[in-house]
PDB file of N, CA and C in Angstrom:
ATOM      1  N   MET A   1      12.091  28.560 -16.608  1.00  0.00           N
ATOM      2  CA  MET A   1      12.572  27.544 -15.693  1.00  0.00           C
ATOM      3  C   MET A   1      14.082  27.416 -15.904  1.00  0.00           C
ATOM      4  N   ASP A   2      14.825  27.441 -14.804  1.00  0.00           N
ATOM      5  CA  ASP A   2      16.280  27.359 -14.941  1.00  0.00           C
ATOM      6  C   ASP A   2      16.740  25.915 -15.155  1.00  0.00           C
ATOM      7  N   GLU A   3      17.966  25.751 -15.610  1.00  0.00           N
ATOM      8  CA  GLU A   3      18.501  24.433 -15.960  1.00  0.00           C
ATOM      9  C   GLU A   3      18.587  23.492 -14.762  1.00  0.00           C
ATOM     10  N   GLY A   4      18.925  24.016 -13.602  1.00  0.00           N
ATOM     11  CA  GLY A   4      19.006  23.180 -12.406  1.00  0.00           C
ATOM     12  C   GLY A   4      17.657  22.573 -12.067  1.00  0.00           C
ATOM     13  N   ARG A   5      16.632  23.375 -12.162  1.00  0.00           N
ATOM     14  CA  ARG A   5      15.273  22.890 -11.871  1.00  0.00           C
ATOM     15  C   ARG A   5      14.840  21.840 -12.897  1.00  0.00           C
ATOM     16  N   LYS A   6      15.198  22.058 -14.163  1.00  0.00           N
ATOM     17  CA  LYS A   6      14.870  21.073 -15.193  1.00  0.00           C
ATOM     18  C   LYS A   6      15.549  19.742 -14.891  1.00  0.00           C
ATOM     19  N   ARG A   7      16.777  19.796 -14.444  1.00  0.00           N
ATOM     20  CA  ARG A   7      17.499  18.557 -14.119  1.00  0.00           C
ATOM     21  C   ARG A   7      16.833  17.812 -12.968  1.00  0.00           C
ATOM     22  N   VAL A   8      16.434  18.547 -11.944  1.00  0.00           N
ATOM     23  CA  VAL A   8      15.769  17.917 -10.802  1.00  0.00           C
ATOM     24  C   VAL A   8      14.452  17.281 -11.244  1.00  0.00           C
ATOM     25  N   LEU A   9      13.665  17.994 -12.052  1.00  0.00           N
ATOM     26  CA  LEU A   9      12.417  17.436 -12.552  1.00  0.00           C
ATOM     27  C   LEU A   9      12.669  16.176 -13.374  1.00  0.00           C
ATOM     28  N   ALA A  10      13.713  16.188 -14.194  1.00  0.00           N
ATOM     29  CA  ALA A  10      14.044  15.014 -15.000  1.00  0.00           C
ATOM     30  C   ALA A  10      14.424  13.827 -14.126  1.00  0.00           C
ATOM     31  N   ILE A  11      15.180  14.071 -13.083  1.00  0.00           N
ATOM     32  CA  ILE A  11      15.584  12.984 -12.180  1.00  0.00           C
ATOM     33  C   ILE A  11      14.371  12.396 -11.462  1.00  0.00           C
ATOM     34  N   VAL A  12      13.526  13.266 -10.926  1.00  0.00           N
ATOM     35  CA  VAL A  12      12.333  12.795 -10.215  1.00  0.00           C
ATOM     36  C   VAL A  12      11.422  12.034 -11.178  1.00  0.00           C
ATOM     37  N   ALA A  13      11.200  12.575 -12.358  1.00  0.00           N
ATOM     38  CA  ALA A  13      10.346  11.902 -13.344  1.00  0.00           C
ATOM     39  C   ALA A  13      10.945  10.559 -13.748  1.00  0.00           C
ATOM     40  N   GLY A  14      12.256  10.511 -13.914  1.00  0.00           N
ATOM     41  CA  GLY A  14      12.919   9.254 -14.260  1.00  0.00           C
ATOM     42  C   GLY A  14      12.732   8.194 -13.196  1.00  0.00           C
ATOM     43  N   ILE A  15      12.813   8.586 -11.960  1.00  0.00           N
ATOM     44  CA  ILE A  15      12.597   7.643 -10.855  1.00  0.00           C
ATOM     45  C   ILE A  15      11.157   7.135 -10.864  1.00  0.00           C
ATOM     46  N   LEU A  16      10.214   8.051 -11.059  1.00  0.00           N
ATOM     47  CA  LEU A  16       8.813   7.652 -11.079  1.00  0.00           C
ATOM     48  C   LEU A  16       8.513   6.692 -12.232  1.00  0.00           C
ATOM     49  N   VAL A  17       9.078   6.950 -13.414  1.00  0.00           N
ATOM     50  CA  VAL A  17       8.857   6.075 -14.565  1.00  0.00           C
ATOM     51  C   VAL A  17       9.526   4.725 -14.348  1.00  0.00           C
ATOM     52  N   ALA A  18      10.752   4.738 -13.860  1.00  0.00           N
ATOM     53  CA  ALA A  18      11.510   3.488 -13.690  1.00  0.00           C
ATOM     54  C   ALA A  18      10.797   2.512 -12.768  1.00  0.00           C
ATOM     55  N   ARG A  19      10.058   3.017 -11.807  1.00  0.00           N
ATOM     56  CA  ARG A  19       9.332   2.141 -10.887  1.00  0.00           C
ATOM     57  C   ARG A  19       8.274   1.315 -11.604  1.00  0.00           C
ATOM     58  N   HIS A  20       7.785   1.790 -12.756  1.00  0.00           N
ATOM     59  CA  HIS A  20       6.704   1.113 -13.463  1.00  0.00           C
ATOM     60  C   HIS A  20       7.171   0.271 -14.637  1.00  0.00           C
ATOM     61  N   LEU A  21       8.441   0.368 -14.995  1.00  0.00           N
ATOM     62  CA  LEU A  21       8.953  -0.463 -16.075  1.00  0.00           C
ATOM     63  C   LEU A  21       9.294  -1.830 -15.499  1.00  0.00           C
ATOM     64  N   LYS A  22       8.845  -2.868 -16.143  1.00  0.00           N
ATOM     65  CA  LYS A  22       8.930  -4.211 -15.576  1.00  0.00           C
ATOM     66  C   LYS A  22      10.274  -4.904 -15.822  1.00  0.00           C
ATOM     67  N   THR A  23      10.870  -4.676 -16.979  1.00  0.00           N
ATOM     68  CA  THR A  23      12.109  -5.382 -17.322  1.00  0.00           C
ATOM     69  C   THR A  23      13.160  -4.385 -17.789  1.00  0.00           C
ATOM     70  N   THR A  24      14.388  -4.850 -17.874  1.00  0.00           N
ATOM     71  CA  THR A  24      15.440  -3.982 -18.406  1.00  0.00           C
ATOM     72  C   THR A  24      15.208  -3.688 -19.875  1.00  0.00           C
ATOM     73  N   ASP A  25      14.528  -4.595 -20.585  1.00  0.00           N
ATOM     74  CA  ASP A  25      14.185  -4.326 -21.984  1.00  0.00           C
ATOM     75  C   ASP A  25      13.279  -3.106 -22.089  1.00  0.00           C
ATOM     76  N   ASP A  26      12.343  -2.964 -21.147  1.00  0.00           N
ATOM     77  CA  ASP A  26      11.490  -1.774 -21.122  1.00  0.00           C
ATOM     78  C   ASP A  26      12.329  -0.515 -20.932  1.00  0.00           C
ATOM     79  N   LEU A  27      13.323  -0.615 -20.100  1.00  0.00           N
ATOM     80  CA  LEU A  27      14.151   0.533 -19.770  1.00  0.00           C
ATOM     81  C   LEU A  27      15.010   0.993 -20.948  1.00  0.00           C
ATOM     82  N   PHE A  28      15.516   0.043 -21.729  1.00  0.00           N
ATOM     83  CA  PHE A  28      16.457   0.379 -22.798  1.00  0.00           C
ATOM     84  C   PHE A  28      15.859   0.308 -24.190  1.00  0.00           C
ATOM     85  N   ASP A  29      14.557   0.071 -24.303  1.00  0.00           N
ATOM     86  CA  ASP A  29      13.905   0.012 -25.613  1.00  0.00           C
ATOM     87  C   ASP A  29      13.776   1.421 -26.170  1.00  0.00           C
ATOM     88  N   SER A  30      14.308   1.656 -27.352  1.00  0.00           N
ATOM     89  CA  SER A  30      14.280   3.004 -27.929  1.00  0.00           C
ATOM     90  C   SER A  30      12.982   3.276 -28.696  1.00  0.00           C
ATOM     91  N   ARG A  31      12.184   2.253 -28.928  1.00  0.00           N
ATOM     92  CA  ARG A  31      10.907   2.450 -29.616  1.00  0.00           C
ATOM     93  C   ARG A  31       9.887   3.046 -28.652  1.00  0.00           C
ATOM     94  N   SER A  32       9.101   3.930 -29.165  1.00  0.00           N
ATOM     95  CA  SER A  32       8.075   4.568 -28.349  1.00  0.00           C
ATOM     96  C   SER A  32       6.807   3.718 -28.363  1.00  0.00           C
ATOM     97  N   SER A  33       6.136   3.675 -27.236  1.00  0.00           N
ATOM     98  CA  SER A  33       4.847   2.986 -27.164  1.00  0.00           C
ATOM     99  C   SER A  33       3.876   3.899 -26.423  1.00  0.00           C
ATOM    100  N   PRO A  34       2.593   3.725 -26.651  1.00  0.00           N
ATOM    101  CA  PRO A  34       1.618   4.560 -25.937  1.00  0.00           C
ATOM    102  C   PRO A  34       1.742   4.431 -24.417  1.00  0.00           C
ATOM    103  N   ARG A  35       2.029   3.226 -23.941  1.00  0.00           N
ATOM    104  CA  ARG A  35       2.176   3.012 -22.495  1.00  0.00           C
ATOM    105  C   ARG A  35       3.350   3.818 -21.953  1.00  0.00           C
ATOM    106  N   THR A  36       4.485   3.727 -22.623  1.00  0.00           N
ATOM    107  CA  THR A  36       5.676   4.452 -22.177  1.00  0.00           C
ATOM    108  C   THR A  36       5.458   5.959 -22.236  1.00  0.00           C
ATOM    109  N   GLU A  37       4.893   6.430 -23.326  1.00  0.00           N
ATOM    110  CA  GLU A  37       4.627   7.868 -23.464  1.00  0.00           C
ATOM    111  C   GLU A  37       3.689   8.353 -22.360  1.00  0.00           C
ATOM    112  N   SER A  38       2.690   7.558 -22.045  1.00  0.00           N
ATOM    113  CA  SER A  38       1.752   7.916 -20.985  1.00  0.00           C
ATOM    114  C   SER A  38       2.438   7.941 -19.622  1.00  0.00           C
ATOM    115  N   LEU A  39       3.292   6.937 -19.365  1.00  0.00           N
ATOM    116  CA  LEU A  39       4.029   6.898 -18.097  1.00  0.00           C
ATOM    117  C   LEU A  39       4.940   8.117 -17.947  1.00  0.00           C
ATOM    118  N   VAL A  40       5.631   8.468 -19.012  1.00  0.00           N
ATOM    119  CA  VAL A  40       6.545   9.616 -18.960  1.00  0.00           C
ATOM    120  C   VAL A  40       5.769  10.906 -18.722  1.00  0.00           C
ATOM    121  N   ALA A  41       4.673  11.095 -19.443  1.00  0.00           N
ATOM    122  CA  ALA A  41       3.868  12.311 -19.274  1.00  0.00           C
ATOM    123  C   ALA A  41       3.338  12.427 -17.846  1.00  0.00           C
ATOM    124  N   ALA A  42       2.836  11.318 -17.315  1.00  0.00           N
ATOM    125  CA  ALA A  42       2.321  11.334 -15.945  1.00  0.00           C
ATOM    126  C   ALA A  42       3.438  11.603 -14.942  1.00  0.00           C
ATOM    127  N   ALA A  43       4.598  11.007 -15.169  1.00  0.00           N
ATOM    128  CA  ALA A  43       5.722  11.208 -14.250  1.00  0.00           C
ATOM    129  C   ALA A  43       6.186  12.657 -14.246  1.00  0.00           C
ATOM    130  N   VAL A  44       6.207  13.293 -15.405  1.00  0.00           N
ATOM    131  CA  VAL A  44       6.612  14.704 -15.474  1.00  0.00           C
ATOM    132  C   VAL A  44       5.606  15.567 -14.717  1.00  0.00           C
ATOM    133  N   GLN A  45       4.333  15.277 -14.877  1.00  0.00           N
ATOM    134  CA  GLN A  45       3.305  16.034 -14.153  1.00  0.00           C
ATOM    135  C   GLN A  45       3.462  15.868 -12.640  1.00  0.00           C
ATOM    136  N   TRP A  46       3.680  14.632 -12.194  1.00  0.00           N
ATOM    137  CA  TRP A  46       3.858  14.393 -10.763  1.00  0.00           C
ATOM    138  C   TRP A  46       5.131  15.042 -10.237  1.00  0.00           C
ATOM    139  N   ALA A  47       6.203  14.977 -11.014  1.00  0.00           N
ATOM    140  CA  ALA A  47       7.461  15.607 -10.594  1.00  0.00           C
ATOM    141  C   ALA A  47       7.258  17.107 -10.431  1.00  0.00           C
ATOM    142  N   ASP A  48       6.528  17.721 -11.354  1.00  0.00           N
ATOM    143  CA  ASP A  48       6.246  19.151 -11.259  1.00  0.00           C
ATOM    144  C   ASP A  48       5.416  19.461 -10.013  1.00  0.00           C
ATOM    145  N   ARG A  49       4.432  18.630  -9.730  1.00  0.00           N
ATOM    146  CA  ARG A  49       3.609  18.831  -8.526  1.00  0.00           C
ATOM    147  C   ARG A  49       4.445  18.702  -7.258  1.00  0.00           C
ATOM    148  N   ILE A  50       5.337  17.722  -7.257  1.00  0.00           N
ATOM    149  CA  ILE A  50       6.218  17.530  -6.099  1.00  0.00           C
ATOM    150  C   ILE A  50       7.102  18.748  -5.900  1.00  0.00           C
ATOM    151  N   MET A  51       7.685  19.264  -6.978  1.00  0.00           N
ATOM    152  CA  MET A  51       8.555  20.433  -6.876  1.00  0.00           C
ATOM    153  C   MET A  51       7.769  21.659  -6.398  1.00  0.00           C
ATOM    154  N   ARG A  52       6.535  21.832  -6.892  1.00  0.00           N
ATOM    155  CA  ARG A  52       5.725  22.970  -6.432  1.00  0.00           C
ATOM    156  C   ARG A  52       5.397  22.844  -4.954  1.00  0.00           C
ATOM    157  N   LYS A  53       5.130  21.635  -4.501  1.00  0.00           N
ATOM    158  CA  LYS A  53       4.845  21.406  -3.078  1.00  0.00           C
ATOM    159  C   LYS A  53       6.078  21.746  -2.234  1.00  0.00           C
ATOM    160  N   ILE A  54       7.243  21.314  -2.686  1.00  0.00           N
ATOM    161  CA  ILE A  54       8.498  21.626  -1.977  1.00  0.00           C
ATOM    162  C   ILE A  54       8.710  23.133  -1.943  1.00  0.00           C
ATOM    163  N   ASP A  55       8.461  23.803  -3.072  1.00  0.00           N
ATOM    164  CA  ASP A  55       8.595  25.269  -3.113  1.00  0.00           C
ATOM    165  C   ASP A  55       7.641  25.937  -2.127  1.00  0.00           C
ATOM    166  N   GLY A  56       6.435  25.387  -2.007  1.00  0.00           N
ATOM    167  CA  GLY A  56       5.455  25.961  -1.090  1.00  0.00           C
ATOM    168  C   GLY A  56       5.876  25.818   0.370  1.00  0.00           C
ATOM    169  N   VAL A  57       6.543  24.730   0.675  1.00  0.00           N
ATOM    170  CA  VAL A  57       6.962  24.495   2.051  1.00  0.00           C
ATOM    171  C   VAL A  57       8.253  25.258   2.383  1.00  0.00           C
ATOM    172  N   PHE A  58       9.204  25.200   1.475  1.00  0.00           N
ATOM    173  CA  PHE A  58      10.536  25.781   1.754  1.00  0.00           C
ATOM    174  C   PHE A  58      10.801  27.099   1.050  1.00  0.00           C
ATOM    175  N   GLY A  59       9.869  27.591   0.266  1.00  0.00           N
ATOM    176  CA  GLY A  59      10.093  28.827  -0.464  1.00  0.00           C
ATOM    177  C   GLY A  59      10.968  28.583  -1.675  1.00  0.00           C
ATOM    178  N   LYS A  60      10.866  29.467  -2.614  1.00  0.00           N
ATOM    179  CA  LYS A  60      11.616  29.297  -3.861  1.00  0.00           C
ATOM    180  C   LYS A  60      12.894  30.063  -3.865  1.00  0.00           C
TER     181      LYS A  60
END
C-alpha cells in the first residue's frame, strides 16, 4: 500500500472515529480504552471498505 493511500485511509478513519467521540476529552485522551480501540479498529475496516468501493467504481 502506498503512502498516499495510507494517508487517505487515516483521514477517513479519523472522521469516522471522531463522529463517535462525545467530548473533547475523548478526543485528546492519550490513555487507551477498549471502547476507543474498538472504534478505531472498526473505523479502519470501514475506511478500507470505502476505498475498495471507490476503486471498484473509478478504477485503481
